[in-house]
Structures are given as C-alpha cells and as structure tokens.
C-alpha cells in the first residue's frame, strides 16, 4: 500500500447493515415482525427528524419477538453478505491497516454473520440486545442520539494521527463520514445523497470488489 499522503497510517471504519450486506438486516427483522407500514412510519419520523435514531431503534426492537437463532436464520436466508468483503479484509490485514466495523445494529447477530463468513477475527462495535418474549430491548453503546456515536471512533483515530477512511450507506453514518478524510459510499443510498447535498467529496461503490484498487492508493 502506498502512502500518498505522507507517513500517516490508515485506519478503516466500515458500517455493517446495508454496506457489507445488501440490505439493512435489522430493518428486515422489523418488517417481518411488524409489517412494512409500521416500519415505514418509524423510518419517516427518523428522516423527518421528529425522532432520534436511538428512539427509533428502541421502538423497532420492541416489535421483534423472535429468538436470536430465528433472527439469524432469517438474515442468513434473506440477505446477502458481500463476498468481496473478505478479500477487502485480507488486503487490509496484509497492509497492516486496522479495520473496524461500526454498527447501530445488534452485536450478537453481526458476530454470527462474521463467523459464518469466515471473518470472526474482524473487530466490530455495535449495540447489544436483550431478547425478551414481549419484545427486544436495545442496550446502546453510549448516550448519543444515535445510540452509538460512530463519529467518536473516527475522531479518536484522527487525533491519534491516522488518515481515516469511512465506508457507509445510511443515516447512522452521516456524522462519521464527515469526520473521515476519505469516504466510500454505497451507491443509491441516503449517505450518498447527504454528502452530495453537503458538497463533501466521496466515491460511490456497489461492491467491496470495487474498493480494492482504491485501498492501495490511500
């Protein structure tokens, strides 16, 4: 890997749902549990800024009443984990570039998905969950409005002298992407629209296979 920007080491941060996967797997669980209309109403309140992401996630989680095993089976069956992500991880490991997944999703489900795809070694930070028969309860990582302040991790790496790369797709990635030095954005998603409207440079992609050449130029 070249160092086009001096001797600064590179740190990569990656969103999980909708970025590594083809769809938001937590949304999949909510839609299956409560229906598309209930999900859309909560999503509309998030986009309209009448509810925080933290409050929306808590409300959505309370609608889910399956077990973790059932949730994992549904996700494995009805979502796609980008097969090129494993190559991207290996490229980062070979170049000694730290890669961390930052997610507003559910840690035990992400852990299972990574293990299923041979990536159990990948570091990640996500919310935890309490599985209850009367509805799941989110256990958020912090007190931020998002429930997990992804931007804080990017700021910390910046302060430590890293050149930071953020890869994401959605609402929970807005603040973190703005903190990063370089941004890769899933094509056709809300983060792309947000950054374009804010006149912030980014590179759009559809698969991690497209990012391998760019990784070597950071």
Protein backbone atom coordinates (compact mmCIF):
# COMPACT_ATOMS: atom_id res chain seq x y z
CA UNK A 1 0.00 0.00 0.00
CA UNK A 2 1.39 3.39 -0.95
CA UNK A 3 1.39 6.39 1.36
CA UNK A 4 0.32 9.19 -0.99
CA UNK A 5 -0.32 11.46 2.00
CA UNK A 6 2.98 11.30 3.83
CA UNK A 7 3.68 8.81 6.59
CA UNK A 8 0.23 8.84 8.18
CA UNK A 9 -1.07 5.35 8.88
CA UNK A 10 -4.51 4.49 7.55
CA UNK A 11 -7.46 3.34 9.66
CA UNK A 12 -10.60 2.00 8.00
CA UNK A 13 -14.09 2.12 9.52
CA UNK A 14 -16.96 0.24 7.89
CA UNK A 15 -20.69 0.32 8.53
CA UNK A 16 -22.36 -3.10 8.61
CA UNK A 17 -26.05 -3.06 7.65
CA UNK A 18 -26.60 -2.08 4.03
CA UNK A 19 -22.87 -1.65 3.44
CA UNK A 20 -21.40 -5.10 3.97
CA UNK A 21 -24.86 -6.58 3.48
CA UNK A 22 -27.17 -5.82 0.57
CA UNK A 23 -29.92 -4.61 2.88
CA UNK A 24 -30.35 -3.42 6.44
CA UNK A 25 -30.76 -6.68 8.34
CA UNK A 26 -32.33 -5.01 11.39
CA UNK A 27 -34.94 -3.42 9.12
CA UNK A 28 -35.57 -6.89 7.72
CA UNK A 29 -36.36 -8.18 11.21
CA UNK A 30 -38.63 -5.23 11.98
CA UNK A 31 -40.51 -5.50 8.69
CA UNK A 32 -41.04 -9.22 9.20
CA UNK A 33 -42.22 -8.70 12.79
CA UNK A 34 -44.46 -5.66 12.36
CA UNK A 35 -45.03 -5.13 8.64
CA UNK A 36 -43.78 -2.63 6.12
CA UNK A 37 -46.21 0.13 7.10
CA UNK A 38 -45.17 0.23 10.76
CA UNK A 39 -41.51 0.21 9.70
CA UNK A 40 -42.14 2.99 7.16
CA UNK A 41 -43.89 5.17 9.75
CA UNK A 42 -40.92 4.97 12.11
CA UNK A 43 -38.46 5.49 9.26
CA UNK A 44 -40.42 8.57 8.20
CA UNK A 45 -40.13 10.03 11.68
CA UNK A 46 -36.38 9.44 11.61
CA UNK A 47 -35.97 11.12 8.21
CA UNK A 48 -38.23 13.96 9.36
CA UNK A 49 -36.08 14.39 12.48
CA UNK A 50 -39.08 14.04 14.80
CA UNK A 51 -37.44 11.02 16.45
CA UNK A 52 -33.78 10.32 17.07
CA UNK A 53 -32.19 7.19 15.68
CA UNK A 54 -31.82 5.96 19.26
CA UNK A 55 -35.56 6.26 19.87
CA UNK A 56 -36.45 4.71 16.52
CA UNK A 57 -34.17 1.72 17.12
CA UNK A 58 -35.62 1.22 20.60
CA UNK A 59 -39.17 1.33 19.22
CA UNK A 60 -38.30 -1.04 16.39
CA UNK A 61 -36.56 -3.52 18.68
CA UNK A 62 -39.64 -3.71 20.92
CA UNK A 63 -41.60 -5.07 17.95
CA UNK A 64 -39.30 -8.08 17.48
CA UNK A 65 -40.25 -11.20 19.43
CA UNK A 66 -38.23 -13.99 17.85
CA UNK A 67 -35.15 -15.69 19.27
CA UNK A 68 -31.62 -14.85 18.18
CA UNK A 69 -31.44 -18.18 16.40
CA UNK A 70 -34.62 -17.40 14.46
CA UNK A 71 -33.39 -13.90 13.63
CA UNK A 72 -30.05 -15.21 12.44
CA UNK A 73 -31.72 -17.85 10.26
CA UNK A 74 -33.91 -15.19 8.62
CA UNK A 75 -30.96 -12.88 7.99
CA UNK A 76 -28.84 -15.68 6.53
CA UNK A 77 -31.69 -16.69 4.24
CA UNK A 78 -32.93 -13.30 3.06
CA UNK A 79 -29.91 -11.02 2.95
CA UNK A 80 -26.61 -11.17 1.08
CA UNK A 81 -23.22 -10.67 2.72
CA UNK A 82 -20.88 -9.10 0.15
CA UNK A 83 -18.50 -11.94 -0.75
CA UNK A 84 -15.82 -9.41 -1.75
CA UNK A 85 -15.67 -8.05 1.81
CA UNK A 86 -13.45 -10.99 2.84
CA UNK A 87 -10.90 -10.01 0.17
CA UNK A 88 -11.05 -6.42 1.38
CA UNK A 89 -10.40 -7.54 4.95
CA UNK A 90 -7.45 -9.67 3.86
CA UNK A 91 -6.00 -6.75 1.90
CA UNK A 92 -6.21 -4.55 4.99
CA UNK A 93 -4.61 -7.24 7.12
CA UNK A 94 -1.78 -7.71 4.63
CA UNK A 95 -1.13 -3.96 4.65
CA UNK A 96 -1.45 -3.80 8.46
CA UNK A 97 -4.32 -1.37 8.16
CA UNK A 98 -6.69 -1.60 11.15
CA UNK A 99 -10.29 -2.18 10.10
CA UNK A 100 -13.21 -1.78 12.49
CA UNK A 101 -16.90 -2.31 11.79
CA UNK A 102 -19.07 0.39 13.39
CA UNK A 103 -22.74 -0.53 13.56
CA UNK A 104 -26.00 0.69 15.03
CA UNK A 105 -27.23 -2.88 14.70
CA UNK A 106 -27.20 -5.88 17.00
CA UNK A 107 -23.82 -7.22 18.13
CA UNK A 108 -24.66 -10.93 18.55
CA UNK A 109 -26.20 -11.09 15.07
CA UNK A 110 -23.21 -9.34 13.49
CA UNK A 111 -20.88 -11.69 15.36
CA UNK A 112 -22.74 -14.71 13.94
CA UNK A 113 -22.71 -13.32 10.40
CA UNK A 114 -18.98 -12.61 10.51
CA UNK A 115 -18.25 -16.10 11.82
CA UNK A 116 -20.48 -17.65 9.15
CA UNK A 117 -18.43 -15.85 6.50
CA UNK A 118 -15.05 -16.80 7.96
CA UNK A 119 -14.38 -13.35 9.41
CA UNK A 120 -14.65 -13.93 13.14
CA UNK A 121 -11.37 -12.05 13.66
CA UNK A 122 -12.75 -8.71 12.42
CA UNK A 123 -13.15 -6.10 15.14
CA UNK A 124 -16.58 -4.52 15.49
CA UNK A 125 -18.53 -2.21 17.74
CA UNK A 126 -22.32 -2.42 17.86
CA UNK A 127 -25.28 -2.17 20.18
CA UNK A 128 -26.23 -5.11 22.35
CA UNK A 129 -29.68 -6.57 22.76
CA UNK A 130 -31.83 -8.10 25.48
CA UNK A 131 -34.04 -10.76 23.91
CA UNK A 132 -37.41 -10.81 25.65
CA UNK A 133 -40.67 -12.56 24.75
CA UNK A 134 -42.53 -9.23 24.97
CA UNK A 135 -40.11 -7.52 22.58
CA UNK A 136 -36.38 -6.97 22.31
CA UNK A 137 -34.68 -4.21 24.31
CA UNK A 138 -31.72 -2.35 22.83
CA UNK A 139 -28.65 -1.85 25.00
CA UNK A 140 -26.99 1.13 23.39
CA UNK A 141 -23.23 1.68 23.37
CA UNK A 142 -23.47 5.27 24.58
CA UNK A 143 -25.84 8.14 25.40
CA UNK A 144 -25.72 9.78 21.97
CA UNK A 145 -28.82 10.45 19.88
CA UNK A 146 -27.72 7.63 17.58
CA UNK A 147 -27.20 5.18 20.43
CA UNK A 148 -23.72 4.52 19.03
CA UNK A 149 -21.60 7.57 18.26
CA UNK A 150 -19.66 6.25 15.26
CA UNK A 151 -18.14 9.67 14.66
CA UNK A 152 -16.35 9.47 18.01
CA UNK A 153 -14.32 6.48 16.82
CA UNK A 154 -13.26 8.35 13.69
CA UNK A 155 -12.33 11.45 15.68
CA UNK A 156 -10.24 9.34 18.05
CA UNK A 157 -8.32 7.82 15.16
CA UNK A 158 -7.80 11.27 13.64
CA UNK A 159 -6.42 12.50 16.96
CA UNK A 160 -4.05 9.52 17.04
CA UNK A 161 -2.60 10.62 13.70
CA UNK A 162 -4.35 8.17 11.37
CA UNK A 163 -5.63 9.01 7.92
CA UNK A 164 -9.21 7.83 8.31
CA UNK A 165 -11.41 6.08 5.77
CA UNK A 166 -15.16 5.68 6.31
CA UNK A 167 -17.34 3.30 4.31
CA UNK A 168 -21.09 3.50 4.79
CA UNK A 169 -24.54 3.90 3.37
CA UNK A 170 -27.15 5.39 5.66
CA UNK A 171 -28.42 7.82 8.28
CA UNK A 172 -26.30 6.46 11.12
CA UNK A 173 -23.19 7.15 9.02
CA UNK A 174 -23.79 10.85 8.35
CA UNK A 175 -21.67 12.29 11.18
CA UNK A 176 -18.90 9.67 10.98
CA UNK A 177 -18.46 10.16 7.24
CA UNK A 178 -17.99 13.90 7.73
CA UNK A 179 -15.21 13.27 10.26
CA UNK A 180 -13.24 10.99 7.90
CA UNK A 181 -10.51 12.02 5.49
CA UNK A 182 -11.78 9.68 2.75
CA UNK A 183 -15.32 8.40 2.16
CA UNK A 184 -16.67 5.48 0.17
CA UNK A 185 -20.44 5.40 -0.09
CA UNK A 186 -22.82 2.64 -1.13
CA UNK A 187 -24.38 3.74 -4.39
CA UNK A 188 -28.02 4.89 -4.35
CA UNK A 189 -28.36 5.21 -0.56
CA UNK A 190 -29.12 8.13 1.73
CA UNK A 191 -25.48 8.79 2.67
CA UNK A 192 -24.67 9.45 -0.97
CA UNK A 193 -27.49 11.99 -1.18
CA UNK A 194 -26.45 13.61 2.10
CA UNK A 195 -22.81 14.06 1.13
CA UNK A 196 -23.67 15.30 -2.33
CA UNK A 197 -26.03 17.87 -0.84
CA UNK A 198 -23.33 18.91 1.61
CA UNK A 199 -20.77 19.16 -1.24
CA UNK A 200 -18.48 16.72 0.54
CA UNK A 201 -16.30 14.56 -1.75
CA UNK A 202 -16.85 10.81 -1.81
CA UNK A 203 -16.53 7.78 -4.05
CA UNK A 204 -19.63 5.68 -4.72
CA UNK A 205 -19.45 1.88 -4.97
CA UNK A 206 -21.72 -1.15 -5.20
CA UNK A 207 -19.38 -3.94 -4.03
CA UNK A 208 -16.19 -4.12 -2.00
CA UNK A 209 -14.58 -5.60 -5.10
CA UNK A 210 -14.56 -2.03 -6.48
CA UNK A 211 -12.67 -0.72 -3.44
CA UNK A 212 -9.61 -2.98 -3.59
CA UNK A 213 -7.75 -0.83 -6.16
CA UNK A 214 -8.56 2.32 -4.17
CA UNK A 215 -7.24 0.78 -0.95
CA UNK A 216 -3.75 0.62 -2.40
CA UNK A 217 -3.78 4.34 -3.22
CA UNK A 218 -4.60 5.60 0.28
